[in-house]
C-alpha atoms as a PDB file:
ATOM      1  CA  UNK A   1     -20.166 -16.908   4.322  1.00  0.00           C
ATOM      2  CA  UNK A   2     -18.683 -13.488   3.622  1.00  0.00           C
ATOM      3  CA  UNK A   3     -15.543 -13.103   1.487  1.00  0.00           C
ATOM      4  CA  UNK A   4     -12.848 -10.954   3.106  1.00  0.00           C
ATOM      5  CA  UNK A   5     -10.160  -8.923   1.400  1.00  0.00           C
ATOM      6  CA  UNK A   6      -6.558  -9.605   2.372  1.00  0.00           C
ATOM      7  CA  UNK A   7      -4.021  -6.822   1.916  1.00  0.00           C
ATOM      8  CA  UNK A   8      -0.603  -5.779   3.206  1.00  0.00           C
ATOM      9  CA  UNK A   9       0.155  -3.205   5.894  1.00  0.00           C
ATOM     10  CA  UNK A  10       3.596  -1.727   6.600  1.00  0.00           C
ATOM     11  CA  UNK A  11       4.617  -2.780  10.101  1.00  0.00           C
ATOM     12  CA  UNK A  12       6.432   0.528  10.654  1.00  0.00           C
ATOM     13  CA  UNK A  13       4.413   3.397   9.090  1.00  0.00           C
ATOM     14  CA  UNK A  14       1.147   1.420   8.753  1.00  0.00           C
ATOM     15  CA  UNK A  15       0.659   2.347   5.085  1.00  0.00           C
ATOM     16  CA  UNK A  16      -1.529  -0.080   3.181  1.00  0.00           C
ATOM     17  CA  UNK A  17      -0.747  -1.692  -0.178  1.00  0.00           C
ATOM     18  CA  UNK A  18      -3.639  -1.897  -2.622  1.00  0.00           C
ATOM     19  CA  UNK A  19      -3.028  -3.253  -6.133  1.00  0.00           C
ATOM     20  CA  UNK A  20       0.713  -2.666  -5.760  1.00  0.00           C
ATOM     21  CA  UNK A  21       0.373   0.961  -4.603  1.00  0.00           C
ATOM     22  CA  UNK A  22       0.997   2.194  -1.052  1.00  0.00           C
ATOM     23  CA  UNK A  23      -1.440   4.574   0.686  1.00  0.00           C
ATOM     24  CA  UNK A  24      -1.336   6.174   4.136  1.00  0.00           C
ATOM     25  CA  UNK A  25      -3.605   4.239   6.471  1.00  0.00           C
ATOM     26  CA  UNK A  26      -6.335   6.898   6.892  1.00  0.00           C
ATOM     27  CA  UNK A  27      -7.066   6.970   3.142  1.00  0.00           C
ATOM     28  CA  UNK A  28      -7.985   3.270   3.083  1.00  0.00           C
ATOM     29  CA  UNK A  29     -10.007   2.044   6.028  1.00  0.00           C
ATOM     30  CA  UNK A  30     -11.947  -1.153   5.765  1.00  0.00           C
ATOM     31  CA  UNK A  31     -13.222  -3.127   8.701  1.00  0.00           C
ATOM     32  CA  UNK A  32     -13.567  -6.434   6.846  1.00  0.00           C
ATOM     33  CA  UNK A  33      -9.926  -6.620   5.746  1.00  0.00           C
ATOM     34  CA  UNK A  34      -7.397  -9.190   6.893  1.00  0.00           C
ATOM     35  CA  UNK A  35      -3.903  -7.678   7.054  1.00  0.00           C
ATOM     36  CA  UNK A  36      -0.552  -9.294   6.508  1.00  0.00           C
ATOM     37  CA  UNK A  37       2.507  -7.261   7.464  1.00  0.00           C
ATOM     38  CA  UNK A  38       5.706  -6.281   5.686  1.00  0.00           C
ATOM     39  CA  UNK A  39       7.678  -3.066   5.092  1.00  0.00           C
ATOM     40  CA  UNK A  40       6.730  -0.499   2.465  1.00  0.00           C
ATOM     41  CA  UNK A  41       9.679   0.402   0.173  1.00  0.00           C
ATOM     42  CA  UNK A  42      10.590   3.564   2.130  1.00  0.00           C
ATOM     43  CA  UNK A  43      10.515   1.873   5.540  1.00  0.00           C
ATOM     44  CA  UNK A  44      12.415  -1.122   4.154  1.00  0.00           C
ATOM     45  CA  UNK A  45      15.256   1.168   3.051  1.00  0.00           C
ATOM     46  CA  UNK A  46      15.321   2.846   6.472  1.00  0.00           C
ATOM     47  CA  UNK A  47      15.380  -0.483   8.313  1.00  0.00           C
ATOM     48  CA  UNK A  48      18.081  -1.928   6.056  1.00  0.00           C
ATOM     49  CA  UNK A  49      20.239   1.156   6.662  1.00  0.00           C
ATOM     50  CA  UNK A  50      19.884   0.601  10.423  1.00  0.00           C
ATOM     51  CA  UNK A  51      20.767  -3.096  10.079  1.00  0.00           C
ATOM     52  CA  UNK A  52      23.805  -2.289   7.922  1.00  0.00           C
ATOM     53  CA  UNK A  53      24.941   0.351  10.423  1.00  0.00           C
ATOM     54  CA  UNK A  54      24.541  -2.103  13.311  1.00  0.00           C
ATOM     55  CA  UNK A  55      26.648  -4.783  11.626  1.00  0.00           C
ATOM     56  CA  UNK A  56      29.215  -2.340  10.240  1.00  0.00           C
ATOM     57  CA  UNK A  57      31.707  -2.812  13.101  1.00  0.00           C
ATOM     58  CA  UNK A  58      30.788  -6.375  14.098  1.00  0.00           C
ATOM     59  CA  UNK A  59      32.817  -9.479  13.251  1.00  0.00           C
ATOM     60  CA  UNK A  60      31.405 -11.466  10.334  1.00  0.00           C
ATOM     61  CA  UNK A  61      29.975 -14.854  11.357  1.00  0.00           C
ATOM     62  CA  UNK A  62      27.429 -15.317   8.583  1.00  0.00           C
ATOM     63  CA  UNK A  63      26.129 -13.718   5.423  1.00  0.00           C
ATOM     64  CA  UNK A  64      22.459 -12.754   5.219  1.00  0.00           C
ATOM     65  CA  UNK A  65      20.833 -12.010   1.857  1.00  0.00           C
ATOM     66  CA  UNK A  66      17.947  -9.595   1.800  1.00  0.00           C
ATOM     67  CA  UNK A  67      16.601  -8.708  -1.597  1.00  0.00           C
ATOM     68  CA  UNK A  68      19.515  -7.320  -3.573  1.00  0.00           C
ATOM     69  CA  UNK A  69      21.703  -6.688  -0.506  1.00  0.00           C
ATOM     70  CA  UNK A  70      24.199  -8.866   1.292  1.00  0.00           C
ATOM     71  CA  UNK A  71      24.673  -8.103   4.961  1.00  0.00           C
ATOM     72  CA  UNK A  72      27.339  -9.534   7.220  1.00  0.00           C
ATOM     73  CA  UNK A  73      25.900 -11.020  10.390  1.00  0.00           C
END
């Protein structure tokens, strides 16, 4: 049985995290890798800004915590 590497891929820009560092996808290609998905730090900031902008003028029905941010939902 072959051991497979599991690593994280950004679901937006497709960068890959290896040992805590993010690399553009073409610099790290491996066919025997299992990917789990999240946001890289840059894409996370962009997405959170879009979420905050969306909820900016909406009535507050709930509070959502995401990392160190609190967003009205």
